[in-house]
Amino acid sequence: MMALLQRVRHARVSVDDRQTGAIGEGLLILLGVHETDTADLIPWLAAKCANLRIFPDEEGRMNRSVKDHGGSALVVSQFTLYGNAEKGNRPSFIESARPEVAEPLYQAFCEALSAELGHPVGRGEFGAMMDVALLNWGPVTLTIERRNP
């Protein structure tokens, strides 16, 4: 499972001009699910996202988590994170989990992250064509990945 985290001033996601999620300062998390991923990866990844110290303290140093900062999270499913473009010019997505596997894991990750943060997280709409708008703060962008052996 891979999470691409962006520290944002604000972010929102829309489907067909209908906003499905929006946050102020916090984390925009693009979540990719690999074909071998299982639910046992979720607690670690959710805790890592919630506790990663990438927000500024009083001295401007990255020393606070999104929880410490009082920020929010917006989670968007992103199967293209496991796209492979090594051969040819069209990426292959065979390593991305099929929707019937990926969607429950995406929803479970959102629930686990909500529990870590102590409040609901914003969400995209799984499988939909989404428009994501954000103001990246920093910019600070990190990739965190945890895979089954």
Protein backbone atom coordinates (compact mmCIF):
# COMPACT_ATOMS: atom_id res chain seq x y z
CA MET A 1 0.00 0.00 0.00
CA MET A 2 1.36 3.38 -0.95
CA ALA A 3 0.42 6.80 0.37
CA LEU A 4 1.61 9.93 -1.36
CA LEU A 5 1.25 12.70 1.24
CA GLN A 6 1.14 16.38 0.42
CA ARG A 7 1.11 18.98 3.16
CA VAL A 8 -1.53 21.46 2.04
CA ARG A 9 -2.99 24.81 3.00
CA HIS A 10 -6.29 23.50 1.60
CA ALA A 11 -7.54 20.79 -0.76
CA ARG A 12 -10.79 19.61 -2.26
CA VAL A 13 -12.02 16.83 -4.52
CA SER A 14 -15.03 16.95 -6.83
CA VAL A 15 -16.89 14.49 -9.05
CA ASP A 16 -19.04 15.95 -11.84
CA ASP A 17 -18.87 19.43 -10.24
CA ARG A 18 -20.09 17.95 -6.92
CA GLN A 19 -17.64 18.38 -4.04
CA THR A 20 -17.09 15.09 -2.19
CA GLY A 21 -14.46 16.26 0.27
CA ALA A 22 -12.58 19.38 1.35
CA ILE A 23 -10.11 20.34 4.06
CA GLY A 24 -8.19 23.34 5.30
CA GLU A 25 -4.60 22.88 6.48
CA GLY A 26 -3.58 19.25 6.67
CA LEU A 27 -2.72 16.31 4.45
CA LEU A 28 -3.91 15.36 1.01
CA ILE A 29 -3.25 11.62 0.80
CA LEU A 30 -3.31 9.82 -2.53
CA LEU A 31 -3.69 6.12 -1.67
CA GLY A 32 -2.64 3.30 -3.97
CA VAL A 33 -3.44 -0.34 -3.25
CA HIS A 34 -1.13 -3.05 -4.63
CA GLU A 35 -2.51 -6.40 -5.79
CA THR A 36 -0.81 -8.18 -2.85
CA ASP A 37 -2.00 -5.75 -0.14
CA THR A 38 -4.12 -6.93 2.78
CA ALA A 39 -5.87 -5.20 5.66
CA ASP A 40 -3.05 -5.94 8.10
CA LEU A 41 -1.02 -3.12 6.49
CA ILE A 42 -3.62 -0.48 7.34
CA PRO A 43 -2.97 0.20 11.05
CA TRP A 44 0.72 0.89 10.47
CA LEU A 45 0.12 3.13 7.46
CA ALA A 46 -2.70 5.10 9.12
CA ALA A 47 -0.60 5.67 12.25
CA LYS A 48 2.40 6.72 10.16
CA CYS A 49 0.33 9.26 8.21
CA ALA A 50 -1.26 10.68 11.37
CA ASN A 51 1.99 10.93 13.33
CA LEU A 52 4.54 11.90 10.68
CA ARG A 53 6.20 15.11 11.85
CA ILE A 54 6.05 17.34 8.78
CA PHE A 55 4.25 20.41 10.16
CA PRO A 56 6.12 23.41 11.54
CA ASP A 57 6.58 24.06 15.23
CA GLU A 58 6.93 27.53 16.75
CA GLU A 59 10.47 27.79 15.32
CA GLY A 60 9.38 26.78 11.82
CA ARG A 61 10.99 23.32 12.01
CA MET A 62 9.13 20.24 10.80
CA ASN A 63 8.48 18.86 14.24
CA ARG A 64 4.69 18.44 14.50
CA SER A 65 2.27 15.88 13.12
CA VAL A 66 -1.04 16.68 11.48
CA LYS A 67 -2.62 15.67 14.82
CA ASP A 68 -0.37 18.08 16.75
CA HIS A 69 -1.13 20.82 14.23
CA GLY A 70 -4.89 20.27 14.51
CA GLY A 71 -5.13 19.64 10.76
CA SER A 72 -7.36 17.45 8.66
CA ALA A 73 -6.85 14.80 6.00
CA LEU A 74 -8.38 14.23 2.58
CA VAL A 75 -7.88 10.73 1.14
CA VAL A 76 -8.22 10.06 -2.58
CA SER A 77 -7.89 6.60 -4.14
CA GLN A 78 -5.17 6.56 -6.80
CA PHE A 79 -4.61 3.25 -8.59
CA THR A 80 -2.07 4.91 -10.90
CA LEU A 81 0.49 5.03 -8.06
CA TYR A 82 1.28 1.42 -8.97
CA GLY A 83 1.53 2.17 -12.67
CA ASN A 84 4.65 0.80 -14.35
CA ALA A 85 6.05 2.80 -17.26
CA GLU A 86 9.35 0.96 -17.72
CA LYS A 87 8.38 -0.51 -21.10
CA GLY A 88 6.80 1.43 -23.94
CA ASN A 89 4.86 4.65 -23.54
CA ARG A 90 1.64 3.37 -22.03
CA PRO A 91 1.80 2.53 -18.33
CA SER A 92 0.75 -0.90 -17.12
CA PHE A 93 -1.50 -1.08 -14.08
CA ILE A 94 -1.41 -4.85 -13.53
CA GLU A 95 0.19 -4.38 -10.08
CA SER A 96 -2.72 -2.23 -8.89
CA ALA A 97 -5.35 -4.11 -6.92
CA ARG A 98 -8.64 -4.82 -8.67
CA PRO A 99 -11.54 -2.61 -7.51
CA GLU A 100 -13.22 -5.38 -5.51
CA VAL A 101 -10.02 -5.67 -3.42
CA ALA A 102 -8.91 -2.04 -3.45
CA GLU A 103 -12.17 -0.34 -2.46
CA PRO A 104 -12.66 -2.13 0.89
CA LEU A 105 -9.00 -1.49 1.75
CA TYR A 106 -9.35 2.19 0.80
CA GLN A 107 -12.47 2.54 2.97
CA ALA A 108 -10.77 0.70 5.86
CA PHE A 109 -7.74 2.99 5.59
CA CYS A 110 -10.02 6.06 5.76
CA GLU A 111 -11.72 4.65 8.88
CA ALA A 112 -8.37 3.83 10.53
CA LEU A 113 -7.00 7.30 9.77
CA SER A 114 -10.20 8.87 11.15
CA ALA A 115 -9.69 6.91 14.38
CA GLU A 116 -6.04 8.03 14.57
CA LEU A 117 -6.97 11.69 14.05
CA GLY A 118 -10.08 11.63 16.23
CA HIS A 119 -12.33 13.09 13.53
CA PRO A 120 -13.64 12.12 10.07
CA VAL A 121 -11.41 12.45 7.03
CA GLY A 122 -12.50 13.89 3.70
CA ARG A 123 -12.76 11.40 0.87
CA GLY A 124 -12.84 11.18 -2.84
CA GLU A 125 -15.24 8.81 -4.59
CA PHE A 126 -13.68 5.45 -5.31
CA GLY A 127 -13.49 4.60 -9.01
CA ALA A 128 -14.80 7.98 -10.18
CA MET A 129 -13.11 10.51 -12.44
CA MET A 130 -12.17 13.14 -9.86
CA ASP A 131 -10.92 16.71 -9.97
CA VAL A 132 -8.48 17.38 -7.14
CA ALA A 133 -7.47 20.94 -6.27
CA LEU A 134 -4.86 21.82 -3.67
CA LEU A 135 -2.51 24.49 -2.47
CA ASN A 136 0.68 22.63 -1.60
CA TRP A 137 2.33 24.06 1.52
CA GLY A 138 6.11 24.07 1.28
CA PRO A 139 5.92 22.18 -0.94
CA VAL A 140 6.20 19.07 1.20
CA THR A 141 5.46 15.79 -0.58
CA LEU A 142 6.43 12.32 0.68
CA THR A 143 5.75 8.75 -0.37
CA ILE A 144 5.22 6.08 2.27
CA GLU A 145 4.89 2.47 1.26
CA ARG A 146 4.34 -0.74 3.19
CA ARG A 147 4.04 -4.05 1.34
CA ASN A 148 3.40 -7.63 2.30
CA PRO A 149 6.55 -9.77 2.13
